[in-house]
N, C-alpha and C. Protein backbone atom coordinates (compact mmCIF):
# COMPACT_ATOMS: atom_id res chain seq x y z
N MET A 1 -13.44 35.65 33.75
CA MET A 1 -14.45 34.48 34.00
C MET A 1 -14.55 33.79 32.61
N LYS A 2 -14.77 34.14 31.91
CA LYS A 2 -15.35 34.49 30.63
C LYS A 2 -13.99 33.54 29.37
N TYR A 3 -12.69 34.25 30.05
CA TYR A 3 -11.99 34.03 29.46
C TYR A 3 -11.80 32.65 29.42
N PHE A 4 -12.05 32.72 31.37
CA PHE A 4 -11.07 31.23 32.05
C PHE A 4 -12.01 30.34 31.51
N PHE A 5 -13.46 30.43 31.06
CA PHE A 5 -13.97 29.34 30.09
C PHE A 5 -13.91 28.58 29.25
N ILE A 6 -13.22 30.40 28.47
CA ILE A 6 -13.04 29.38 26.84
C ILE A 6 -11.76 29.33 26.89
N LEU A 7 -10.57 29.20 28.03
CA LEU A 7 -8.75 28.74 27.68
C LEU A 7 -9.66 26.70 27.81
N PHE A 8 -10.31 27.01 29.45
CA PHE A 8 -10.22 25.49 29.21
C PHE A 8 -11.30 24.22 28.52
N LEU A 9 -12.37 25.60 27.51
CA LEU A 9 -12.56 24.22 26.34
C LEU A 9 -11.59 24.29 25.61
N ASN A 10 -10.90 25.00 25.43
CA ASN A 10 -9.96 25.11 24.51
C ASN A 10 -9.29 23.25 24.53
N LEU A 11 -8.14 23.82 26.26
CA LEU A 11 -7.39 22.37 26.60
C LEU A 11 -8.37 21.22 26.58
N PHE A 12 -9.65 21.32 26.77
CA PHE A 12 -10.45 20.42 26.39
C PHE A 12 -10.34 19.67 25.44
N CYS A 13 -10.33 20.33 24.13
CA CYS A 13 -10.35 20.94 23.18
C CYS A 13 -8.82 19.70 22.42
N LEU A 14 -8.15 20.15 22.69
CA LEU A 14 -6.65 19.81 22.57
C LEU A 14 -6.56 18.11 23.15
N SER A 15 -7.07 18.51 24.27
CA SER A 15 -6.83 16.78 25.33
C SER A 15 -7.76 15.64 24.44
N LEU A 16 -8.49 16.19 23.86
CA LEU A 16 -9.36 15.31 22.83
C LEU A 16 -8.60 14.68 21.51
N ASN A 17 -8.02 16.01 21.01
CA ASN A 17 -7.44 15.71 19.60
C ASN A 17 -6.10 14.92 20.31
N ALA A 18 -5.73 14.95 21.18
CA ALA A 18 -4.28 14.37 21.59
C ALA A 18 -4.47 12.66 21.10
N GLN A 19 -5.38 11.93 21.28
CA GLN A 19 -5.39 10.56 21.00
C GLN A 19 -4.84 10.16 20.15
N THR A 20 -4.79 11.53 18.84
CA THR A 20 -4.43 10.72 17.56
C THR A 20 -3.02 11.76 17.61
N LYS A 21 -2.62 12.71 17.72
CA LYS A 21 -1.49 13.21 17.79
C LYS A 21 0.03 12.70 17.78
N ASN A 22 0.82 13.04 17.24
CA ASN A 22 2.55 11.83 17.66
C ASN A 22 2.42 10.30 17.35
N LEU A 23 1.01 10.55 16.22
CA LEU A 23 0.88 8.58 15.58
C LEU A 23 2.51 8.96 14.56
N ASN A 24 2.67 9.63 13.80
CA ASN A 24 3.97 9.10 12.94
C ASN A 24 3.94 7.80 12.10
N LEU A 25 3.01 7.45 11.49
CA LEU A 25 2.39 6.71 11.36
C LEU A 25 3.33 5.86 10.03
N SER A 26 4.23 5.16 9.95
CA SER A 26 5.04 5.26 9.09
C SER A 26 4.50 3.87 8.13
N ASN A 27 4.01 2.69 8.84
CA ASN A 27 4.08 1.53 8.38
C ASN A 27 3.04 0.91 9.22
N ALA A 28 1.75 0.04 9.25
CA ALA A 28 0.69 -0.81 9.44
C ALA A 28 0.81 -1.89 8.72
N ALA A 29 0.49 -2.83 10.13
CA ALA A 29 -0.42 -3.84 9.89
C ALA A 29 -1.89 -3.36 9.77
N VAL A 30 -2.25 -4.47 9.18
CA VAL A 30 -4.24 -3.50 8.90
C VAL A 30 -5.05 -4.87 9.62
N VAL A 31 -5.69 -4.54 10.73
CA VAL A 31 -6.43 -6.22 10.85
C VAL A 31 -7.90 -4.74 10.86
N GLY A 32 -9.00 -5.88 10.69
CA GLY A 32 -10.50 -5.17 10.57
C GLY A 32 -10.96 -6.62 11.35
N GLN A 33 -11.42 -5.91 12.11
CA GLN A 33 -12.15 -6.62 13.33
C GLN A 33 -13.73 -6.90 12.84
N LEU A 34 -14.04 -7.62 11.95
CA LEU A 34 -15.15 -7.87 11.81
C LEU A 34 -15.52 -9.07 11.56
N ASP A 35 -16.86 -9.74 12.06
CA ASP A 35 -17.76 -11.09 12.15
C ASP A 35 -17.74 -11.49 10.52
N LYS A 36 -17.91 -10.51 9.44
CA LYS A 36 -18.26 -11.30 8.11
C LYS A 36 -16.92 -10.76 7.72
N ALA A 37 -16.23 -11.86 6.56
CA ALA A 37 -15.11 -11.98 6.10
C ALA A 37 -15.07 -10.80 4.43
N ASP A 38 -16.10 -10.83 4.14
CA ASP A 38 -16.55 -9.94 3.03
C ASP A 38 -16.03 -8.42 3.54
N ASP A 39 -17.14 -8.37 4.81
CA ASP A 39 -16.58 -6.89 5.26
C ASP A 39 -15.52 -7.18 6.39
N ARG A 40 -14.74 -7.42 6.29
CA ARG A 40 -12.84 -7.81 7.06
C ARG A 40 -11.86 -7.23 5.75
N TYR A 41 -12.91 -8.26 4.57
CA TYR A 41 -12.05 -8.27 3.24
C TYR A 41 -11.97 -6.07 2.60
N SER A 42 -13.40 -6.18 2.79
CA SER A 42 -13.33 -4.63 2.06
C SER A 42 -12.57 -3.93 2.38
N ILE A 43 -12.66 -3.73 4.35
CA ILE A 43 -12.34 -2.51 5.35
C ILE A 43 -10.54 -2.92 5.20
N GLU A 44 -10.15 -4.12 5.39
CA GLU A 44 -8.86 -4.41 5.22
C GLU A 44 -8.30 -3.87 3.70
N VAL A 45 -8.61 -4.01 2.75
CA VAL A 45 -8.29 -3.64 0.77
C VAL A 45 -8.13 -1.95 0.86
N ALA A 46 -9.22 -1.55 1.43
CA ALA A 46 -9.28 -0.67 1.06
C ALA A 46 -8.60 0.41 2.25
N LEU A 47 -8.55 0.18 3.32
CA LEU A 47 -7.64 0.82 4.28
C LEU A 47 -6.03 0.45 4.04
N THR A 48 -5.76 -0.16 3.56
CA THR A 48 -4.34 -0.63 3.23
C THR A 48 -4.12 0.34 2.04
N GLU A 49 -4.63 0.20 1.31
CA GLU A 49 -4.46 1.00 -0.68
C GLU A 49 -4.54 2.95 -0.21
N MET A 50 -5.78 3.51 0.75
CA MET A 50 -5.51 4.13 1.57
C MET A 50 -4.15 4.68 2.03
N LEU A 51 -3.76 3.95 3.07
CA LEU A 51 -2.14 4.26 4.05
C LEU A 51 -1.65 4.43 2.71
N ALA A 52 -1.09 2.86 1.57
CA ALA A 52 -0.46 3.43 0.83
C ALA A 52 -0.13 4.23 -0.10
N ASN A 53 -1.25 4.60 -0.55
CA ASN A 53 -1.15 5.69 -1.40
C ASN A 53 -0.84 7.42 -0.81
N ASN A 54 -0.89 7.55 0.91
CA ASN A 54 -0.11 8.56 1.58
C ASN A 54 0.94 8.00 1.80
N GLY A 55 1.74 7.20 1.29
CA GLY A 55 3.43 7.34 1.65
C GLY A 55 3.44 6.62 3.01
N ILE A 56 2.80 5.27 3.41
CA ILE A 56 3.08 4.67 4.60
C ILE A 56 2.91 3.65 4.77
N LYS A 57 3.79 2.80 4.57
CA LYS A 57 3.96 1.05 3.97
C LYS A 57 2.55 0.27 4.75
N ALA A 58 2.03 -0.07 4.50
CA ALA A 58 0.82 -0.87 5.01
C ALA A 58 0.67 -2.61 4.42
N MET A 59 0.04 -3.79 5.22
CA MET A 59 -0.02 -4.74 5.01
C MET A 59 -1.84 -5.50 5.84
N PRO A 60 -2.07 -6.27 4.71
CA PRO A 60 -3.23 -6.30 5.41
C PRO A 60 -3.12 -7.95 6.18
N SER A 61 -3.90 -7.87 7.50
CA SER A 61 -3.67 -9.00 7.90
C SER A 61 -4.05 -9.96 7.29
N MET A 62 -5.12 -10.20 6.59
CA MET A 62 -4.88 -11.48 5.25
C MET A 62 -3.63 -12.19 4.59
N ASN A 63 -2.53 -11.66 4.39
CA ASN A 63 -2.09 -11.53 4.24
C ASN A 63 -0.95 -12.36 5.43
N ILE A 64 -1.51 -12.15 6.54
CA ILE A 64 -0.99 -13.11 7.49
C ILE A 64 -1.50 -14.41 7.87
N LEU A 65 -3.12 -14.28 8.22
CA LEU A 65 -3.25 -14.95 8.76
C LEU A 65 -4.17 -16.12 7.80
N LYS A 66 -5.05 -17.00 8.04
CA LYS A 66 -5.39 -18.58 6.87
C LYS A 66 -6.68 -17.37 7.68
N VAL A 67 -7.96 -17.41 6.56
CA VAL A 67 -8.87 -17.29 6.63
C VAL A 67 -9.94 -18.15 8.00
N GLY A 68 -10.15 -17.60 8.60
CA GLY A 68 -10.59 -18.71 9.68
C GLY A 68 -9.76 -18.64 11.15
N ASN A 69 -8.47 -18.34 11.21
CA ASN A 69 -7.61 -18.36 12.16
C ASN A 69 -8.21 -16.90 13.41
N ASP A 70 -7.48 -17.40 14.36
CA ASP A 70 -7.88 -16.51 15.63
C ASP A 70 -7.35 -15.85 15.21
N PRO A 71 -7.57 -14.52 15.40
CA PRO A 71 -7.06 -12.82 15.06
C PRO A 71 -6.08 -12.79 15.93
N GLN A 72 -5.99 -13.45 17.53
CA GLN A 72 -5.40 -13.66 18.63
C GLN A 72 -3.90 -13.77 18.22
N ILE A 73 -3.68 -14.76 17.48
CA ILE A 73 -2.47 -15.46 16.86
C ILE A 73 -1.35 -13.88 16.44
N LEU A 74 -1.95 -12.56 16.03
CA LEU A 74 -1.55 -11.79 15.50
C LEU A 74 -0.56 -10.89 17.07
N ALA A 75 -1.09 -11.03 17.93
CA ALA A 75 0.46 -11.31 18.97
C ALA A 75 0.89 -11.93 19.63
N SER A 76 1.14 -12.75 18.61
CA SER A 76 2.17 -13.97 18.45
C SER A 76 3.82 -13.16 18.67
N ASP A 77 5.00 -13.03 19.35
CA ASP A 77 6.06 -13.30 19.43
C ASP A 77 6.23 -13.77 18.04
N SER A 78 6.46 -14.72 17.18
CA SER A 78 6.52 -15.37 16.45
C SER A 78 5.85 -14.42 15.19
N ILE A 79 4.87 -14.03 15.32
CA ILE A 79 4.28 -13.01 14.17
C ILE A 79 4.71 -11.68 14.16
N LYS A 80 4.83 -11.26 15.56
CA LYS A 80 5.89 -10.13 15.74
C LYS A 80 6.88 -9.78 14.84
N ASP A 81 7.40 -11.19 15.18
CA ASP A 81 8.76 -11.26 14.89
C ASP A 81 8.90 -11.26 13.20
N LEU A 82 7.90 -12.05 12.83
CA LEU A 82 8.17 -11.86 11.14
C LEU A 82 7.35 -10.91 10.34
N LEU A 83 6.72 -9.68 11.49
CA LEU A 83 5.94 -8.64 10.62
C LEU A 83 7.55 -7.63 11.08
N LYS A 84 7.99 -8.16 11.98
CA LYS A 84 9.37 -7.15 12.11
C LYS A 84 10.61 -7.23 11.39
N SER A 85 10.65 -8.36 10.74
CA SER A 85 11.59 -8.95 9.56
C SER A 85 11.29 -8.17 8.40
N LYS A 86 9.41 -7.69 8.18
CA LYS A 86 9.43 -7.39 6.77
C LYS A 86 8.86 -5.33 7.02
N GLY A 87 9.47 -5.10 8.10
CA GLY A 87 9.51 -3.71 8.77
C GLY A 87 7.77 -3.10 8.75
N PHE A 88 7.50 -3.85 9.73
CA PHE A 88 5.99 -3.35 10.19
C PHE A 88 6.58 -3.41 12.29
N ASP A 89 6.31 -2.25 12.78
CA ASP A 89 5.88 -2.24 14.15
C ASP A 89 4.94 -1.96 14.63
N THR A 90 3.50 -1.55 13.76
CA THR A 90 2.46 -0.93 14.23
C THR A 90 1.52 -1.35 13.68
N TYR A 91 0.60 -1.91 14.81
CA TYR A 91 -0.77 -2.42 14.11
C TYR A 91 -1.90 -1.75 14.68
N VAL A 92 -2.45 -1.71 13.23
CA VAL A 92 -4.19 -0.24 12.96
C VAL A 92 -5.22 -1.31 12.97
N LEU A 93 -6.24 -1.24 14.20
CA LEU A 93 -7.28 -2.13 14.08
C LEU A 93 -8.18 -1.70 13.92
N VAL A 94 -9.89 -1.99 13.18
CA VAL A 94 -10.26 -1.22 12.78
C VAL A 94 -11.84 -1.84 13.01
N SER A 95 -12.45 -1.25 14.20
CA SER A 95 -14.28 -1.92 13.87
C SER A 95 -14.81 -1.37 13.22
N VAL A 96 -16.33 -1.83 13.23
CA VAL A 96 -17.62 -0.45 13.63
C VAL A 96 -17.83 -0.66 14.97
N ARG A 97 -17.94 0.69 15.43
CA ARG A 97 -18.57 1.20 16.87
C ARG A 97 -19.77 1.24 16.86
N GLY A 98 -20.38 1.33 16.07
CA GLY A 98 -22.06 1.55 15.84
C GLY A 98 -22.71 2.46 15.19
N PHE A 99 -24.15 2.67 14.83
CA PHE A 99 -24.83 3.75 14.07
C PHE A 99 -25.58 4.31 14.66
N ASP A 100 -25.58 5.54 13.83
CA ASP A 100 -26.54 6.41 14.13
C ASP A 100 -26.30 7.39 15.29
N LYS A 101 -25.07 7.48 16.09
CA LYS A 101 -25.01 7.83 16.97
C LYS A 101 -23.75 8.36 16.88
N LYS A 102 -23.30 9.85 18.15
CA LYS A 102 -21.54 10.41 18.07
C LYS A 102 -21.42 10.12 18.97
N PHE A 103 -20.09 9.22 18.62
CA PHE A 103 -19.15 8.15 19.91
C PHE A 103 -18.37 8.94 20.60
N LYS A 104 -17.72 9.14 21.39
CA LYS A 104 -16.22 9.68 21.27
C LYS A 104 -15.34 8.11 21.80
N PRO A 105 -14.48 8.74 21.74
CA PRO A 105 -13.10 7.48 21.61
C PRO A 105 -13.23 6.56 22.79
N ALA A 106 -12.88 5.36 22.98
CA ALA A 106 -12.85 4.57 24.07
C ALA A 106 -12.29 4.56 25.26
N LYS A 107 -12.02 4.63 26.14
CA LYS A 107 -11.28 5.35 26.94
C LYS A 107 -10.15 4.18 27.29
N ASN A 108 -11.30 2.99 28.19
CA ASN A 108 -10.43 0.96 28.16
C ASN A 108 -10.05 0.85 27.25
N HIS A 109 -8.84 1.11 26.78
CA HIS A 109 -7.74 0.10 26.05
C HIS A 109 -6.92 -1.14 26.78
N GLY A 110 -7.15 -1.77 26.35
CA GLY A 110 -6.27 -3.31 27.22
C GLY A 110 -5.32 -3.60 25.91
N SER A 111 -4.99 -4.52 26.19
CA SER A 111 -3.30 -5.06 25.79
C SER A 111 -3.90 -5.28 23.75
N LEU A 112 -2.67 -5.51 23.37
CA LEU A 112 -2.56 -5.69 22.26
C LEU A 112 -3.89 -7.78 21.82
N THR A 113 -3.18 -8.18 22.46
CA THR A 113 -3.87 -9.92 22.95
C THR A 113 -5.46 -9.40 23.56
N GLN A 114 -5.63 -8.60 24.38
CA GLN A 114 -6.75 -8.44 24.54
C GLN A 114 -7.64 -7.74 23.82
N ILE A 115 -7.75 -6.78 22.91
CA ILE A 115 -7.78 -6.20 22.15
C ILE A 115 -8.17 -7.36 20.98
N LEU A 116 -7.04 -8.30 20.74
CA LEU A 116 -7.57 -8.92 19.95
C LEU A 116 -8.71 -10.22 19.38
N THR A 117 -9.24 -10.27 20.99
CA THR A 117 -9.84 -11.43 21.61
C THR A 117 -11.53 -10.24 21.40
N GLU A 118 -11.80 -9.56 21.27
CA GLU A 118 -12.81 -8.97 21.84
C GLU A 118 -13.66 -9.46 20.35
N GLY A 119 -14.85 -9.53 20.64
CA GLY A 119 -15.98 -10.34 19.38
C GLY A 119 -16.24 -8.43 18.89
N HIS A 120 -16.27 -8.58 17.67
CA HIS A 120 -17.36 -7.33 16.92
C HIS A 120 -18.26 -7.76 16.20
N LEU A 121 -20.11 -7.64 16.67
CA LEU A 121 -20.86 -8.23 16.11
C LEU A 121 -21.60 -7.36 15.32
N PHE A 122 -21.06 -5.98 14.73
CA PHE A 122 -21.69 -5.10 14.04
C PHE A 122 -20.99 -4.78 12.37
N PRO A 123 -22.45 -5.20 11.46
CA PRO A 123 -21.12 -5.41 10.21
C PRO A 123 -21.17 -4.12 9.23
N ILE A 124 -20.69 -3.71 8.41
CA ILE A 124 -20.43 -2.45 8.01
C ILE A 124 -21.38 -2.15 7.60
N TYR A 125 -22.58 -2.17 7.55
CA TYR A 125 -23.65 -1.75 6.96
C TYR A 125 -24.91 -2.41 7.38
N ARG A 126 -25.91 -1.82 8.05
CA ARG A 126 -27.43 -2.32 8.96
C ARG A 126 -28.52 -1.71 7.61
N ASP A 127 -29.36 -2.01 7.51
CA ASP A 127 -30.76 -1.18 6.99
C ASP A 127 -30.94 -0.56 8.10
N GLU A 128 -31.62 0.96 7.55
CA GLU A 128 -31.98 1.58 8.16
C GLU A 128 -31.44 2.44 9.32
N ALA A 129 -29.94 2.30 8.88
CA ALA A 129 -29.46 3.62 9.76
C ALA A 129 -28.39 4.60 8.19
N VAL A 130 -28.28 5.79 9.37
CA VAL A 130 -28.06 6.70 8.41
C VAL A 130 -26.66 7.44 8.35
N SER A 131 -25.81 6.72 9.48
CA SER A 131 -24.62 6.93 9.87
C SER A 131 -23.92 5.48 10.23
N VAL A 132 -22.55 5.76 10.39
CA VAL A 132 -22.02 4.59 10.67
C VAL A 132 -20.13 4.87 11.41
N SER A 133 -20.34 4.88 12.85
CA SER A 133 -18.65 5.09 13.15
C SER A 133 -17.37 4.14 13.01
N PHE A 134 -16.83 4.25 12.87
CA PHE A 134 -15.79 3.05 12.69
C PHE A 134 -14.63 3.59 14.09
N GLU A 135 -13.91 2.53 14.43
CA GLU A 135 -13.18 2.76 15.73
C GLU A 135 -11.68 2.30 15.30
N PHE A 136 -10.90 3.15 15.38
CA PHE A 136 -9.64 3.10 14.94
C PHE A 136 -8.73 2.30 16.17
N PHE A 137 -7.65 1.64 16.47
CA PHE A 137 -6.89 1.37 17.39
C PHE A 137 -4.92 2.12 16.89
N PHE A 138 -4.58 2.07 17.81
CA PHE A 138 -3.19 1.84 17.02
C PHE A 138 -2.35 1.14 18.47
N TYR A 139 -1.64 0.28 17.81
CA TYR A 139 -0.49 -0.24 18.62
C TYR A 139 1.30 -0.49 18.44
N ARG A 140 1.91 0.03 18.73
CA ARG A 140 3.36 0.13 18.18
C ARG A 140 4.08 -1.09 19.36
N ASN A 141 4.65 -1.91 18.85
CA ASN A 141 5.49 -2.19 19.62
C ASN A 141 4.21 -3.29 20.92
N GLY A 142 3.53 -3.23 20.95
CA GLY A 142 2.37 -4.50 21.07
C GLY A 142 1.90 -3.05 22.70
N GLU A 143 2.17 -2.12 22.64
CA GLU A 143 1.91 -0.89 23.18
C GLU A 143 0.96 0.04 22.43
N PHE A 144 -0.35 0.21 23.63
CA PHE A 144 -0.96 1.14 22.80
C PHE A 144 -0.65 2.73 22.83
N ILE A 145 -0.30 3.07 21.33
CA ILE A 145 -0.61 4.47 20.97
C ILE A 145 -1.28 5.88 20.67
N GLY A 146 -2.67 5.41 20.18
CA GLY A 146 -3.85 6.27 20.11
C GLY A 146 -4.94 5.69 19.59
N THR A 147 -5.89 5.97 19.00
CA THR A 147 -7.31 5.84 19.09
C THR A 147 -7.88 6.89 18.06
N ASP A 148 -8.96 6.31 17.33
CA ASP A 148 -9.30 7.54 16.33
C ASP A 148 -10.52 7.04 16.18
N ILE A 149 -11.58 7.85 15.78
CA ILE A 149 -13.36 7.35 15.23
C ILE A 149 -13.30 7.81 14.23
N VAL A 150 -13.72 7.79 13.06
CA VAL A 150 -14.80 8.55 11.86
C VAL A 150 -15.74 8.10 11.79
N LYS A 151 -16.48 9.09 11.26
CA LYS A 151 -18.07 8.58 11.08
C LYS A 151 -18.57 9.24 9.43
N CYS A 152 -18.76 8.14 9.35
CA CYS A 152 -19.62 8.19 8.27
C CYS A 152 -20.84 8.57 8.05
N GLY A 153 -21.30 9.86 7.32
CA GLY A 153 -23.28 9.52 7.42
C GLY A 153 -23.52 9.58 5.72
N ASN A 154 -24.63 9.85 6.40
CA ASN A 154 -26.15 9.82 4.52
C ASN A 154 -25.33 8.72 3.94
N ILE A 155 -25.76 7.63 4.33
CA ILE A 155 -25.33 6.57 4.05
C ILE A 155 -26.56 5.47 3.27
N SER A 156 -26.79 4.63 2.48
CA SER A 156 -28.11 3.65 1.88
C SER A 156 -27.85 2.75 1.96
N SER A 157 -26.56 1.98 1.43
CA SER A 157 -26.32 0.72 1.17
C SER A 157 -24.63 0.71 1.37
N ARG A 158 -24.40 -0.36 1.26
CA ARG A 158 -23.15 -0.94 1.60
C ARG A 158 -21.96 0.23 1.08
N ASP A 159 -22.30 0.22 -0.42
CA ASP A 159 -21.14 0.81 -1.50
C ASP A 159 -21.02 2.11 -1.29
N THR A 160 -22.37 2.70 -0.26
CA THR A 160 -21.90 4.51 0.15
C THR A 160 -20.91 4.06 1.54
N VAL A 161 -21.37 3.37 2.20
CA VAL A 161 -20.19 3.38 3.37
C VAL A 161 -18.81 3.14 3.03
N MET A 162 -18.99 2.16 1.75
CA MET A 162 -17.33 1.93 2.01
C MET A 162 -16.78 3.97 0.75
N LYS A 163 -17.69 3.86 0.02
CA LYS A 163 -17.12 5.12 -0.32
C LYS A 163 -16.83 6.50 0.35
N ARG A 164 -17.63 6.78 1.66
CA ARG A 164 -17.79 7.26 2.17
C ARG A 164 -16.07 7.44 3.13
N PHE A 165 -16.17 6.09 3.52
CA PHE A 165 -15.25 5.63 4.21
C PHE A 165 -13.47 6.03 3.68
N ARG A 166 -13.94 5.99 2.59
CA ARG A 166 -12.76 6.30 1.83
C ARG A 166 -12.57 7.68 1.52
N LYS A 167 -13.19 8.60 1.75
CA LYS A 167 -13.76 9.95 1.55
C LYS A 167 -13.01 10.70 2.31
N LYS A 168 -13.41 10.11 3.87
CA LYS A 168 -13.15 10.58 5.03
C LYS A 168 -12.02 10.24 5.31
N LEU A 169 -11.17 8.76 5.28
CA LEU A 169 -9.96 8.85 5.60
C LEU A 169 -8.99 9.56 4.82
N ASN A 170 -8.89 9.04 3.08
CA ASN A 170 -8.45 10.23 2.21
C ASN A 170 -7.87 11.54 2.89
N LYS A 171 -9.46 12.21 3.65
CA LYS A 171 -8.37 13.54 4.30
C LYS A 171 -7.44 13.37 5.51
N ARG A 172 -8.52 12.36 6.36
CA ARG A 172 -7.72 12.43 8.10
C ARG A 172 -5.95 11.93 7.81
N ILE A 173 -5.84 10.47 7.07
CA ILE A 173 -4.89 10.06 7.45
C ILE A 173 -3.80 11.30 7.30
N PRO A 174 -3.81 11.94 6.63
CA PRO A 174 -2.14 13.03 6.38
C PRO A 174 -2.27 14.04 7.35
N LYS A 175 -3.65 14.27 7.91
CA LYS A 175 -3.54 15.22 8.47
C LYS A 175 -3.59 14.97 10.38
N HIS A 176 -3.94 13.71 10.36
CA HIS A 176 -3.48 12.72 11.83
C HIS A 176 -2.65 11.61 12.34
N TRP A 177 -2.90 10.93 11.31
CA TRP A 177 -1.99 10.08 11.61
C TRP A 177 -0.67 10.10 11.31
N LYS A 178 -0.11 10.27 9.86
CA LYS A 178 1.26 10.51 9.42
C LYS A 178 1.70 11.24 10.61
C-alpha cells in the first residue's frame, strides 16, 4: 500500500509539472497583461530580455500595439500574419495572479482572444505584500500549449519584485520552457 501511494504521488506530481513540459519555446511575442502602463512595460522588457539571453527569439507587444490599443487586436488574423512573417508563432501572456498565497496554475484556459480580453486588476507590487505570483500562458498558432506560475517571495518594493522576477525566470526558462 505504501508503494502504491508513493507511485500515485509521483504520477500526480508529474502531471502538475506537465503543464510546462514540451513547450520547446524558440520564439515568443511577450504580452504583459497589467493595467498600469509602466508595470506592463517593465514586465515585457524584462521577460523579452531574459528570453533573448536564453536563445529564444522574443519581441514585446509594445512593438506591435500602440499605447492604449485593445490587446484583443493581437489575436486578429492581420497581426498573426505580421508576426508569422517576422518568425513568431508563439504568444507568452504574463499577469499577476495574486499576493501572499500559494497558487496553482489555472485549469480553465480559454482561447487566445478570450484570454486577451480579460481584465487584470493587480499591480506588480502592493504594500504589505511579502510575495507576488506571476502566471504565464503559452499559445502557439492560437492554440493553448501550457501554463506556468512563478512566485517571487521576500519582496519589499517594486524594485525587489523585478529583481526576484529576473532571478527566478533566469533559472526557470532553460529548465522548463526551452
